[in-house]
PDB file of N, CA and C in Angstrom:
ATOM      1  N   GLN A   1       0.849  -1.189   0.000  1.00  0.00           N
ATOM      2  CA  GLN A   1       0.000   0.000   0.000  1.00  0.00           C
ATOM      3  C   GLN A   1       0.885   1.239   0.000  1.00  0.00           C
ATOM      4  N   VAL A   2       0.500   2.256  -0.732  1.00  0.00           N
ATOM      5  CA  VAL A   2       1.238   3.511  -0.765  1.00  0.00           C
ATOM      6  C   VAL A   2       0.244   4.650  -0.801  1.00  0.00           C
ATOM      7  N   GLN A   3       0.566   5.702  -0.097  1.00  0.00           N
ATOM      8  CA  GLN A   3      -0.257   6.910  -0.128  1.00  0.00           C
ATOM      9  C   GLN A   3       0.439   7.976  -0.949  1.00  0.00           C
ATOM     10  N   LEU A   4      -0.341   8.673  -1.767  1.00  0.00           N
ATOM     11  CA  LEU A   4       0.172   9.731  -2.634  1.00  0.00           C
ATOM     12  C   LEU A   4      -0.496  11.041  -2.250  1.00  0.00           C
ATOM     13  N   VAL A   5       0.295  12.080  -2.039  1.00  0.00           N
ATOM     14  CA  VAL A   5      -0.245  13.371  -1.633  1.00  0.00           C
ATOM     15  C   VAL A   5       0.265  14.444  -2.585  1.00  0.00           C
ATOM     16  N   GLU A   6      -0.659  15.029  -3.336  1.00  0.00           N
ATOM     17  CA  GLU A   6      -0.293  16.099  -4.270  1.00  0.00           C
ATOM     18  C   GLU A   6      -0.300  17.454  -3.570  1.00  0.00           C
ATOM     19  N   SER A   7       0.511  18.356  -4.083  1.00  0.00           N
ATOM     20  CA  SER A   7       0.535  19.738  -3.608  1.00  0.00           C
ATOM     21  C   SER A   7       1.037  20.626  -4.732  1.00  0.00           C
ATOM     22  N   GLY A   8       0.873  21.939  -4.533  1.00  0.00           N
ATOM     23  CA  GLY A   8       1.403  22.889  -5.501  1.00  0.00           C
ATOM     24  C   GLY A   8       0.372  23.516  -6.413  1.00  0.00           C
ATOM     25  N   GLY A   9      -0.871  23.075  -6.312  1.00  0.00           N
ATOM     26  CA  GLY A   9      -1.906  23.686  -7.133  1.00  0.00           C
ATOM     27  C   GLY A   9      -2.244  25.082  -6.650  1.00  0.00           C
ATOM     28  N   GLY A  10      -3.080  25.761  -7.411  1.00  0.00           N
ATOM     29  CA  GLY A  10      -3.483  27.104  -7.029  1.00  0.00           C
ATOM     30  C   GLY A  10      -4.081  27.854  -8.185  1.00  0.00           C
ATOM     31  N   LEU A  11      -4.205  29.169  -7.990  1.00  0.00           N
ATOM     32  CA  LEU A  11      -4.760  30.056  -9.008  1.00  0.00           C
ATOM     33  C   LEU A  11      -3.616  30.811  -9.672  1.00  0.00           C
ATOM     34  N   VAL A  12      -3.603  30.788 -10.993  1.00  0.00           N
ATOM     35  CA  VAL A  12      -2.544  31.471 -11.733  1.00  0.00           C
ATOM     36  C   VAL A  12      -3.143  32.097 -12.989  1.00  0.00           C
ATOM     37  N   GLN A  13      -2.543  33.176 -13.433  1.00  0.00           N
ATOM     38  CA  GLN A  13      -3.010  33.809 -14.664  1.00  0.00           C
ATOM     39  C   GLN A  13      -2.500  33.039 -15.889  1.00  0.00           C
ATOM     40  N   ALA A  14      -3.215  33.162 -16.962  1.00  0.00           N
ATOM     41  CA  ALA A  14      -2.788  32.532 -18.213  1.00  0.00           C
ATOM     42  C   ALA A  14      -1.372  32.998 -18.560  1.00  0.00           C
ATOM     43  N   GLY A  15      -0.562  32.040 -18.990  1.00  0.00           N
ATOM     44  CA  GLY A  15       0.839  32.325 -19.283  1.00  0.00           C
ATOM     45  C   GLY A  15       1.772  32.052 -18.133  1.00  0.00           C
ATOM     46  N   GLY A  16       1.204  31.829 -16.962  1.00  0.00           N
ATOM     47  CA  GLY A  16       2.010  31.587 -15.776  1.00  0.00           C
ATOM     48  C   GLY A  16       2.450  30.140 -15.646  1.00  0.00           C
ATOM     49  N   SER A  17       3.095  29.864 -14.520  1.00  0.00           N
ATOM     50  CA  SER A  17       3.649  28.530 -14.278  1.00  0.00           C
ATOM     51  C   SER A  17       3.271  28.035 -12.886  1.00  0.00           C
ATOM     52  N   LEU A  18       3.222  26.735 -12.761  1.00  0.00           N
ATOM     53  CA  LEU A  18       3.050  26.063 -11.476  1.00  0.00           C
ATOM     54  C   LEU A  18       3.884  24.795 -11.487  1.00  0.00           C
ATOM     55  N   ARG A  19       4.305  24.381 -10.303  1.00  0.00           N
ATOM     56  CA  ARG A  19       4.999  23.103 -10.168  1.00  0.00           C
ATOM     57  C   ARG A  19       4.249  22.245  -9.167  1.00  0.00           C
ATOM     58  N   LEU A  20       3.732  21.134  -9.637  1.00  0.00           N
ATOM     59  CA  LEU A  20       3.029  20.206  -8.767  1.00  0.00           C
ATOM     60  C   LEU A  20       3.996  19.165  -8.229  1.00  0.00           C
ATOM     61  N   SER A  21       3.741  18.747  -7.006  1.00  0.00           N
ATOM     62  CA  SER A  21       4.530  17.687  -6.391  1.00  0.00           C
ATOM     63  C   SER A  21       3.592  16.578  -5.921  1.00  0.00           C
ATOM     64  N   CYS A  22       4.087  15.364  -5.936  1.00  0.00           N
ATOM     65  CA  CYS A  22       3.346  14.215  -5.438  1.00  0.00           C
ATOM     66  C   CYS A  22       4.285  13.427  -4.537  1.00  0.00           C
ATOM     67  N   ALA A  23       4.038  13.518  -3.244  1.00  0.00           N
ATOM     68  CA  ALA A  23       4.881  12.831  -2.272  1.00  0.00           C
ATOM     69  C   ALA A  23       4.289  11.473  -1.942  1.00  0.00           C
ATOM     70  N   ALA A  24       5.122  10.463  -2.026  1.00  0.00           N
ATOM     71  CA  ALA A  24       4.679   9.096  -1.733  1.00  0.00           C
ATOM     72  C   ALA A  24       5.103   8.696  -0.330  1.00  0.00           C
ATOM     73  N   SER A  25       4.293   7.840   0.294  1.00  0.00           N
ATOM     74  CA  SER A  25       4.577   7.407   1.667  1.00  0.00           C
ATOM     75  C   SER A  25       5.701   6.380   1.713  1.00  0.00           C
ATOM     76  N   GLY A  26       6.035   5.803   0.585  1.00  0.00           N
ATOM     77  CA  GLY A  26       7.117   4.831   0.545  1.00  0.00           C
ATOM     78  C   GLY A  26       7.961   5.020  -0.688  1.00  0.00           C
ATOM     79  N   SER A  27       8.843   4.087  -0.920  1.00  0.00           N
ATOM     80  CA  SER A  27       9.757   4.202  -2.045  1.00  0.00           C
ATOM     81  C   SER A  27       9.018   4.127  -3.376  1.00  0.00           C
ATOM     82  N   ILE A  28       9.337   5.063  -4.274  1.00  0.00           N
ATOM     83  CA  ILE A  28       8.744   5.008  -5.608  1.00  0.00           C
ATOM     84  C   ILE A  28       9.697   4.351  -6.587  1.00  0.00           C
ATOM     85  N   PHE A  29      10.890   3.987  -6.101  1.00  0.00           N
ATOM     86  CA  PHE A  29      11.878   3.384  -6.977  1.00  0.00           C
ATOM     87  C   PHE A  29      11.336   2.093  -7.594  1.00  0.00           C
ATOM     88  N   ARG A  30      10.479   1.400  -6.817  1.00  0.00           N
ATOM     89  CA  ARG A  30       9.944   0.121  -7.275  1.00  0.00           C
ATOM     90  C   ARG A  30       8.861   0.257  -8.347  1.00  0.00           C
ATOM     91  N   PHE A  31       8.385   1.486  -8.559  1.00  0.00           N
ATOM     92  CA  PHE A  31       7.326   1.690  -9.540  1.00  0.00           C
ATOM     93  C   PHE A  31       7.946   2.076 -10.881  1.00  0.00           C
ATOM     94  N   ASN A  32       7.726   1.263 -11.882  1.00  0.00           N
ATOM     95  CA  ASN A  32       8.314   1.525 -13.181  1.00  0.00           C
ATOM     96  C   ASN A  32       7.736   2.778 -13.825  1.00  0.00           C
ATOM     97  N   ALA A  33       6.440   2.951 -13.730  1.00  0.00           N
ATOM     98  CA  ALA A  33       5.804   4.071 -14.410  1.00  0.00           C
ATOM     99  C   ALA A  33       4.858   4.807 -13.467  1.00  0.00           C
ATOM    100  N   MET A  34       4.937   6.119 -13.527  1.00  0.00           N
ATOM    101  CA  MET A  34       4.032   6.971 -12.765  1.00  0.00           C
ATOM    102  C   MET A  34       3.531   8.073 -13.680  1.00  0.00           C
ATOM    103  N   GLY A  35       2.340   8.557 -13.372  1.00  0.00           N
ATOM    104  CA  GLY A  35       1.770   9.563 -14.260  1.00  0.00           C
ATOM    105  C   GLY A  35       0.989  10.630 -13.538  1.00  0.00           C
ATOM    106  N   TRP A  36       0.727  11.683 -14.269  1.00  0.00           N
ATOM    107  CA  TRP A  36      -0.172  12.754 -13.840  1.00  0.00           C
ATOM    108  C   TRP A  36      -1.404  12.732 -14.744  1.00  0.00           C
ATOM    109  N   TYR A  37      -2.558  12.904 -14.132  1.00  0.00           N
ATOM    110  CA  TYR A  37      -3.821  12.962 -14.833  1.00  0.00           C
ATOM    111  C   TYR A  37      -4.554  14.217 -14.380  1.00  0.00           C
ATOM    112  N   ARG A  38      -5.552  14.621 -15.140  1.00  0.00           N
ATOM    113  CA  ARG A  38      -6.379  15.739 -14.716  1.00  0.00           C
ATOM    114  C   ARG A  38      -7.838  15.479 -15.087  1.00  0.00           C
ATOM    115  N   GLN A  39      -8.704  16.124 -14.330  1.00  0.00           N
ATOM    116  CA  GLN A  39     -10.135  16.002 -14.599  1.00  0.00           C
ATOM    117  C   GLN A  39     -10.784  17.364 -14.410  1.00  0.00           C
ATOM    118  N   ALA A  40     -11.351  17.866 -15.486  1.00  0.00           N
ATOM    119  CA  ALA A  40     -12.095  19.123 -15.451  1.00  0.00           C
ATOM    120  C   ALA A  40     -13.561  18.803 -15.181  1.00  0.00           C
ATOM    121  N   PRO A  41     -14.321  19.784 -14.704  1.00  0.00           N
ATOM    122  CA  PRO A  41     -15.745  19.543 -14.417  1.00  0.00           C
ATOM    123  C   PRO A  41     -16.475  18.980 -15.629  1.00  0.00           C
ATOM    124  N   GLU A  42     -17.226  17.927 -15.399  1.00  0.00           N
ATOM    125  CA  GLU A  42     -18.070  17.290 -16.420  1.00  0.00           C
ATOM    126  C   GLU A  42     -17.250  16.700 -17.559  1.00  0.00           C
ATOM    127  N   LYS A  43     -15.989  16.433 -17.326  1.00  0.00           N
ATOM    128  CA  LYS A  43     -15.148  15.784 -18.332  1.00  0.00           C
ATOM    129  C   LYS A  43     -14.504  14.538 -17.737  1.00  0.00           C
ATOM    130  N   GLN A  44     -14.076  13.646 -18.613  1.00  0.00           N
ATOM    131  CA  GLN A  44     -13.398  12.448 -18.153  1.00  0.00           C
ATOM    132  C   GLN A  44     -11.974  12.763 -17.718  1.00  0.00           C
ATOM    133  N   ARG A  45     -11.468  11.940 -16.813  1.00  0.00           N
ATOM    134  CA  ARG A  45     -10.083  12.083 -16.402  1.00  0.00           C
ATOM    135  C   ARG A  45      -9.182  11.735 -17.586  1.00  0.00           C
ATOM    136  N   GLU A  46      -8.144  12.549 -17.786  1.00  0.00           N
ATOM    137  CA  GLU A  46      -7.263  12.344 -18.927  1.00  0.00           C
ATOM    138  C   GLU A  46      -5.799  12.363 -18.505  1.00  0.00           C
ATOM    139  N   LEU A  47      -5.002  11.618 -19.259  1.00  0.00           N
ATOM    140  CA  LEU A  47      -3.572  11.573 -19.009  1.00  0.00           C
ATOM    141  C   LEU A  47      -2.930  12.902 -19.397  1.00  0.00           C
ATOM    142  N   VAL A  48      -2.049  13.374 -18.526  1.00  0.00           N
ATOM    143  CA  VAL A  48      -1.312  14.611 -18.787  1.00  0.00           C
ATOM    144  C   VAL A  48       0.151  14.306 -19.096  1.00  0.00           C
ATOM    145  N   ALA A  49       0.713  13.371 -18.355  1.00  0.00           N
ATOM    146  CA  ALA A  49       2.122  13.027 -18.557  1.00  0.00           C
ATOM    147  C   ALA A  49       2.411  11.706 -17.873  1.00  0.00           C
ATOM    148  N   VAL A  50       3.346  10.946 -18.421  1.00  0.00           N
ATOM    149  CA  VAL A  50       3.768   9.707 -17.798  1.00  0.00           C
ATOM    150  C   VAL A  50       5.280   9.600 -17.903  1.00  0.00           C
ATOM    151  N   ILE A  51       5.893   9.067 -16.849  1.00  0.00           N
ATOM    152  CA  ILE A  51       7.333   8.831 -16.852  1.00  0.00           C
ATOM    153  C   ILE A  51       7.561   7.350 -16.600  1.00  0.00           C
ATOM    154  N   ILE A  52       8.428   6.777 -17.415  1.00  0.00           N
ATOM    155  CA  ILE A  52       8.638   5.332 -17.407  1.00  0.00           C
ATOM    156  C   ILE A  52      10.113   5.025 -17.196  1.00  0.00           C
ATOM    157  N   GLY A  53      10.375   4.114 -16.276  1.00  0.00           N
ATOM    158  CA  GLY A  53      11.739   3.668 -16.062  1.00  0.00           C
ATOM    159  C   GLY A  53      12.668   4.781 -15.629  1.00  0.00           C
ATOM    160  N   LEU A  54      13.809   4.874 -16.305  1.00  0.00           N
ATOM    161  CA  LEU A  54      14.837   5.832 -15.926  1.00  0.00           C
ATOM    162  C   LEU A  54      14.573   7.245 -16.445  1.00  0.00           C
ATOM    163  N   GLY A  55      13.513   7.437 -17.195  1.00  0.00           N
ATOM    164  CA  GLY A  55      13.223   8.795 -17.621  1.00  0.00           C
ATOM    165  C   GLY A  55      12.477   8.936 -18.920  1.00  0.00           C
ATOM    166  N   GLY A  56      12.017   7.831 -19.489  1.00  0.00           N
ATOM    167  CA  GLY A  56      11.209   7.968 -20.686  1.00  0.00           C
ATOM    168  C   GLY A  56       9.908   8.670 -20.365  1.00  0.00           C
ATOM    169  N   THR A  57       9.491   9.588 -21.218  1.00  0.00           N
ATOM    170  CA  THR A  57       8.294  10.362 -20.941  1.00  0.00           C
ATOM    171  C   THR A  57       7.367  10.377 -22.141  1.00  0.00           C
ATOM    172  N   HIS A  58       6.097  10.638 -21.843  1.00  0.00           N
ATOM    173  CA  HIS A  58       5.096  10.762 -22.895  1.00  0.00           C
ATOM    174  C   HIS A  58       4.097  11.823 -22.488  1.00  0.00           C
ATOM    175  N   TYR A  59       3.724  12.658 -23.463  1.00  0.00           N
ATOM    176  CA  TYR A  59       2.755  13.720 -23.228  1.00  0.00           C
ATOM    177  C   TYR A  59       1.740  13.741 -24.366  1.00  0.00           C
ATOM    178  N   PRO A  60       0.499  14.077 -24.064  1.00  0.00           N
ATOM    179  CA  PRO A  60      -0.442  14.309 -25.153  1.00  0.00           C
ATOM    180  C   PRO A  60      -0.110  15.634 -25.828  1.00  0.00           C
ATOM    181  N   ASP A  61      -0.609  15.807 -27.030  1.00  0.00           N
ATOM    182  CA  ASP A  61      -0.304  17.019 -27.784  1.00  0.00           C
ATOM    183  C   ASP A  61      -0.764  18.287 -27.065  1.00  0.00           C
ATOM    184  N   SER A  62      -1.811  18.167 -26.261  1.00  0.00           N
ATOM    185  CA  SER A  62      -2.376  19.348 -25.591  1.00  0.00           C
ATOM    186  C   SER A  62      -1.402  20.002 -24.614  1.00  0.00           C
ATOM    187  N   VAL A  63      -0.433  19.254 -24.109  1.00  0.00           N
ATOM    188  CA  VAL A  63       0.504  19.821 -23.124  1.00  0.00           C
ATOM    189  C   VAL A  63       1.962  19.701 -23.567  1.00  0.00           C
ATOM    190  N   LYS A  64       2.209  19.018 -24.660  1.00  0.00           N
ATOM    191  CA  LYS A  64       3.581  18.787 -25.119  1.00  0.00           C
ATOM    192  C   LYS A  64       4.286  20.118 -25.343  1.00  0.00           C
ATOM    193  N   GLY A  65       5.496  20.221 -24.815  1.00  0.00           N
ATOM    194  CA  GLY A  65       6.272  21.450 -24.933  1.00  0.00           C
ATOM    195  C   GLY A  65       6.006  22.449 -23.825  1.00  0.00           C
ATOM    196  N   ARG A  66       4.960  22.223 -23.042  1.00  0.00           N
ATOM    197  CA  ARG A  66       4.635  23.144 -21.936  1.00  0.00           C
ATOM    198  C   ARG A  66       4.797  22.473 -20.578  1.00  0.00           C
ATOM    199  N   PHE A  67       4.522  21.181 -20.499  1.00  0.00           N
ATOM    200  CA  PHE A  67       4.589  20.444 -19.234  1.00  0.00           C
ATOM    201  C   PHE A  67       5.792  19.508 -19.244  1.00  0.00           C
ATOM    202  N   THR A  68       6.382  19.322 -18.056  1.00  0.00           N
ATOM    203  CA  THR A  68       7.499  18.393 -17.916  1.00  0.00           C
ATOM    204  C   THR A  68       7.312  17.564 -16.658  1.00  0.00           C
ATOM    205  N   ILE A  69       7.328  16.260 -16.817  1.00  0.00           N
ATOM    206  CA  ILE A  69       7.220  15.348 -15.683  1.00  0.00           C
ATOM    207  C   ILE A  69       8.615  14.882 -15.286  1.00  0.00           C
ATOM    208  N   SER A  70       8.821  14.737 -13.981  1.00  0.00           N
ATOM    209  CA  SER A  70      10.105  14.231 -13.496  1.00  0.00           C
ATOM    210  C   SER A  70       9.867  13.510 -12.177  1.00  0.00           C
ATOM    211  N   ARG A  71      10.864  12.763 -11.763  1.00  0.00           N
ATOM    212  CA  ARG A  71      10.749  12.034 -10.505  1.00  0.00           C
ATOM    213  C   ARG A  71      12.078  12.088  -9.771  1.00  0.00           C
ATOM    214  N   ASP A  72      12.011  12.140  -8.460  1.00  0.00           N
ATOM    215  CA  ASP A  72      13.188  12.089  -7.609  1.00  0.00           C
ATOM    216  C   ASP A  72      13.004  10.882  -6.698  1.00  0.00           C
ATOM    217  N   ASN A  73      13.629   9.782  -7.071  1.00  0.00           N
ATOM    218  CA  ASN A  73      13.444   8.549  -6.310  1.00  0.00           C
ATOM    219  C   ASN A  73      13.984   8.679  -4.887  1.00  0.00           C
ATOM    220  N   ALA A  74      15.027   9.471  -4.698  1.00  0.00           N
ATOM    221  CA  ALA A  74      15.602   9.643  -3.360  1.00  0.00           C
ATOM    222  C   ALA A  74      14.625  10.357  -2.432  1.00  0.00           C
ATOM    223  N   LYS A  75      13.808  11.231  -2.997  1.00  0.00           N
ATOM    224  CA  LYS A  75      12.831  11.969  -2.194  1.00  0.00           C
ATOM    225  C   LYS A  75      11.428  11.360  -2.286  1.00  0.00           C
ATOM    226  N   ASN A  76      11.313  10.260  -3.042  1.00  0.00           N
ATOM    227  CA  ASN A  76      10.003   9.613  -3.219  1.00  0.00           C
ATOM    228  C   ASN A  76       8.957  10.597  -3.702  1.00  0.00           C
ATOM    229  N   THR A  77       9.322  11.415  -4.666  1.00  0.00           N
ATOM    230  CA  THR A  77       8.443  12.482  -5.124  1.00  0.00           C
ATOM    231  C   THR A  77       8.400  12.541  -6.637  1.00  0.00           C
ATOM    232  N   LEU A  78       7.195  12.735  -7.131  1.00  0.00           N
ATOM    233  CA  LEU A  78       6.931  12.935  -8.554  1.00  0.00           C
ATOM    234  C   LEU A  78       6.578  14.400  -8.759  1.00  0.00           C
ATOM    235  N   TYR A  79       7.045  14.976  -9.867  1.00  0.00           N
ATOM    236  CA  TYR A  79       6.802  16.396 -10.133  1.00  0.00           C
ATOM    237  C   TYR A  79       6.132  16.608 -11.489  1.00  0.00           C
ATOM    238  N   LEU A  80       5.458  17.742 -11.596  1.00  0.00           N
ATOM    239  CA  LEU A  80       4.940  18.181 -12.891  1.00  0.00           C
ATOM    240  C   LEU A  80       5.159  19.685 -12.979  1.00  0.00           C
ATOM    241  N   GLN A  81       6.090  20.081 -13.830  1.00  0.00           N
ATOM    242  CA  GLN A  81       6.319  21.495 -14.097  1.00  0.00           C
ATOM    243  C   GLN A  81       5.404  21.912 -15.230  1.00  0.00           C
ATOM    244  N   MET A  82       4.583  22.912 -14.975  1.00  0.00           N
ATOM    245  CA  MET A  82       3.612  23.385 -15.961  1.00  0.00           C
ATOM    246  C   MET A  82       3.912  24.830 -16.305  1.00  0.00           C
ATOM    247  N   ASN A  83       4.236  25.080 -17.556  1.00  0.00           N
ATOM    248  CA  ASN A  83       4.541  26.426 -18.032  1.00  0.00           C
ATOM    249  C   ASN A  83       3.516  26.859 -19.074  1.00  0.00           C
ATOM    250  N   THR A  84       3.490  28.148 -19.327  1.00  0.00           N
ATOM    251  CA  THR A  84       2.583  28.726 -20.330  1.00  0.00           C
ATOM    252  C   THR A  84       1.170  28.175 -20.152  1.00  0.00           C
ATOM    253  N   LEU A  85       0.673  28.271 -18.941  1.00  0.00           N
ATOM    254  CA  LEU A  85      -0.634  27.697 -18.634  1.00  0.00           C
ATOM    255  C   LEU A  85      -1.746  28.428 -19.366  1.00  0.00           C
ATOM    256  N   LYS A  86      -2.777  27.662 -19.697  1.00  0.00           N
ATOM    257  CA  LYS A  86      -3.929  28.178 -20.418  1.00  0.00           C
ATOM    258  C   LYS A  86      -5.189  27.933 -19.588  1.00  0.00           C
ATOM    259  N   PRO A  87      -6.236  28.706 -19.818  1.00  0.00           N
ATOM    260  CA  PRO A  87      -7.483  28.473 -19.075  1.00  0.00           C
ATOM    261  C   PRO A  87      -7.994  27.034 -19.216  1.00  0.00           C
ATOM    262  N   GLU A  88      -7.763  26.424 -20.354  1.00  0.00           N
ATOM    263  CA  GLU A  88      -8.231  25.046 -20.551  1.00  0.00           C
ATOM    264  C   GLU A  88      -7.424  24.017 -19.761  1.00  0.00           C
ATOM    265  N   ASP A  89      -6.363  24.443 -19.103  1.00  0.00           N
ATOM    266  CA  ASP A  89      -5.621  23.556 -18.207  1.00  0.00           C
ATOM    267  C   ASP A  89      -6.280  23.462 -16.831  1.00  0.00           C
ATOM    268  N   THR A  90      -7.294  24.267 -16.601  1.00  0.00           N
ATOM    269  CA  THR A  90      -7.990  24.243 -15.317  1.00  0.00           C
ATOM    270  C   THR A  90      -8.610  22.876 -15.062  1.00  0.00           C
ATOM    271  N   ALA A  91      -8.259  22.282 -13.925  1.00  0.00           N
ATOM    272  CA  ALA A  91      -8.722  20.932 -13.588  1.00  0.00           C
ATOM    273  C   ALA A  91      -8.178  20.550 -12.218  1.00  0.00           C
ATOM    274  N   VAL A  92      -8.650  19.427 -11.727  1.00  0.00           N
ATOM    275  CA  VAL A  92      -8.016  18.791 -10.572  1.00  0.00           C
ATOM    276  C   VAL A  92      -6.964  17.830 -11.119  1.00  0.00           C
ATOM    277  N   TYR A  93      -5.750  17.934 -10.599  1.00  0.00           N
ATOM    278  CA  TYR A  93      -4.636  17.125 -11.072  1.00  0.00           C
ATOM    279  C   TYR A  93      -4.323  16.021 -10.061  1.00  0.00           C
ATOM    280  N   TYR A  94      -4.146  14.816 -10.579  1.00  0.00           N
ATOM    281  CA  TYR A  94      -3.917  13.638  -9.749  1.00  0.00           C
ATOM    282  C   TYR A  94      -2.615  12.948 -10.167  1.00  0.00           C
ATOM    283  N   CYS A  95      -1.912  12.405  -9.193  1.00  0.00           N
ATOM    284  CA  CYS A  95      -0.804  11.520  -9.544  1.00  0.00           C
ATOM    285  C   CYS A  95      -1.247  10.074  -9.363  1.00  0.00           C
ATOM    286  N   HIS A  96      -0.572   9.189 -10.071  1.00  0.00           N
ATOM    287  CA  HIS A  96      -1.029   7.810 -10.167  1.00  0.00           C
ATOM    288  C   HIS A  96       0.154   6.890 -10.412  1.00  0.00           C
ATOM    289  N   VAL A  97       0.116   5.747  -9.772  1.00  0.00           N
ATOM    290  CA  VAL A  97       1.082   4.701 -10.076  1.00  0.00           C
ATOM    291  C   VAL A  97       0.477   3.842 -11.175  1.00  0.00           C
ATOM    292  N   GLU A  98       1.095   3.858 -12.335  1.00  0.00           N
ATOM    293  CA  GLU A  98       0.541   3.159 -13.489  1.00  0.00           C
ATOM    294  C   GLU A  98       0.406   1.667 -13.211  1.00  0.00           C
ATOM    295  N   GLY A  99      -0.731   1.130 -13.589  1.00  0.00           N
ATOM    296  CA  GLY A  99      -0.972  -0.293 -13.412  1.00  0.00           C
ATOM    297  C   GLY A  99      -1.401  -0.674 -12.018  1.00  0.00           C
ATOM    298  N   SER A 100      -1.749   0.305 -11.215  1.00  0.00           N
ATOM    299  CA  SER A 100      -2.180   0.048  -9.848  1.00  0.00           C
ATOM    300  C   SER A 100      -3.442   0.836  -9.558  1.00  0.00           C
ATOM    301  N   GLY A 101      -3.960   0.646  -8.361  1.00  0.00           N
ATOM    302  CA  GLY A 101      -5.114   1.424  -7.926  1.00  0.00           C
ATOM    303  C   GLY A 101      -4.739   2.603  -7.064  1.00  0.00           C
ATOM    304  N   PHE A 102      -3.459   2.966  -7.065  1.00  0.00           N
ATOM    305  CA  PHE A 102      -2.982   4.041  -6.197  1.00  0.00           C
ATOM    306  C   PHE A 102      -3.135   5.398  -6.878  1.00  0.00           C
ATOM    307  N   TRP A 103      -3.957   6.246  -6.269  1.00  0.00           N
ATOM    308  CA  TRP A 103      -4.184   7.612  -6.731  1.00  0.00           C
ATOM    309  C   TRP A 103      -4.039   8.565  -5.554  1.00  0.00           C
ATOM    310  N   GLY A 104      -3.601   9.775  -5.849  1.00  0.00           N
ATOM    311  CA  GLY A 104      -3.622  10.816  -4.848  1.00  0.00           C
ATOM    312  C   GLY A 104      -5.022  11.407  -4.748  1.00  0.00           C
ATOM    313  N   GLN A 105      -5.164  12.372  -3.821  1.00  0.00           N
ATOM    314  CA  GLN A 105      -6.476  12.973  -3.598  1.00  0.00           C
ATOM    315  C   GLN A 105      -6.741  14.126  -4.569  1.00  0.00           C
ATOM    316  N   GLY A 106      -5.696  14.574  -5.249  1.00  0.00           N
ATOM    317  CA  GLY A 106      -5.846  15.640  -6.235  1.00  0.00           C
ATOM    318  C   GLY A 106      -5.514  17.014  -5.697  1.00  0.00           C
ATOM    319  N   THR A 107      -5.096  17.877  -6.602  1.00  0.00           N
ATOM    320  CA  THR A 107      -4.837  19.278  -6.272  1.00  0.00           C
ATOM    321  C   THR A 107      -5.435  20.144  -7.377  1.00  0.00           C
ATOM    322  N   GLN A 108      -6.132  21.205  -6.973  1.00  0.00           N
ATOM    323  CA  GLN A 108      -6.849  22.044  -7.930  1.00  0.00           C
ATOM    324  C   GLN A 108      -5.901  23.038  -8.597  1.00  0.00           C
ATOM    325  N   VAL A 109      -5.979  23.099  -9.908  1.00  0.00           N
ATOM    326  CA  VAL A 109      -5.266  24.110 -10.683  1.00  0.00           C
ATOM    327  C   VAL A 109      -6.302  24.938 -11.428  1.00  0.00           C
ATOM    328  N   THR A 110      -6.261  26.244 -11.214  1.00  0.00           N
ATOM    329  CA  THR A 110      -7.185  27.149 -11.878  1.00  0.00           C
ATOM    330  C   THR A 110      -6.384  28.212 -12.619  1.00  0.00           C
ATOM    331  N   VAL A 111      -6.635  28.325 -13.911  1.00  0.00           N
ATOM    332  CA  VAL A 111      -5.930  29.289 -14.745  1.00  0.00           C
ATOM    333  C   VAL A 111      -6.934  30.334 -15.215  1.00  0.00           C
ATOM    334  N   SER A 112      -6.699  31.574 -14.831  1.00  0.00           N
ATOM    335  CA  SER A 112      -7.612  32.652 -15.218  1.00  0.00           C
ATOM    336  C   SER A 112      -7.143  33.300 -16.520  1.00  0.00           C
ATOM    337  N   SER A 113      -8.114  33.779 -17.277  1.00  0.00           N
ATOM    338  CA  SER A 113      -7.770  34.399 -18.577  1.00  0.00           C
ATOM    339  C   SER A 113      -7.534  35.887 -18.430  1.00  0.00           C
TER     340      SER A 113
END
């Protein structure tokens, strides 16, 4: 069992940046893949970024070039650097251990125009 706690969300103007963190209660070194997802009101949860193994990453076109996922195994923490934010990035952001039922509680990101 592992607990995931996201932080770093907030209100930011369009064009601004935020850095989300996801702290795990135990070692994340054992998890091959971890990801960030988001869910906007009345929309399905969608993948934002995934990091696999030693650093392979994947992003959907909607965030490619603006978001960067990273992990610090020594600190048991997953990160999401979000730059050039847009109003359509507004959502609750969740971290997830791929292939498991482990999800964080989410952190709200609101981008004003």
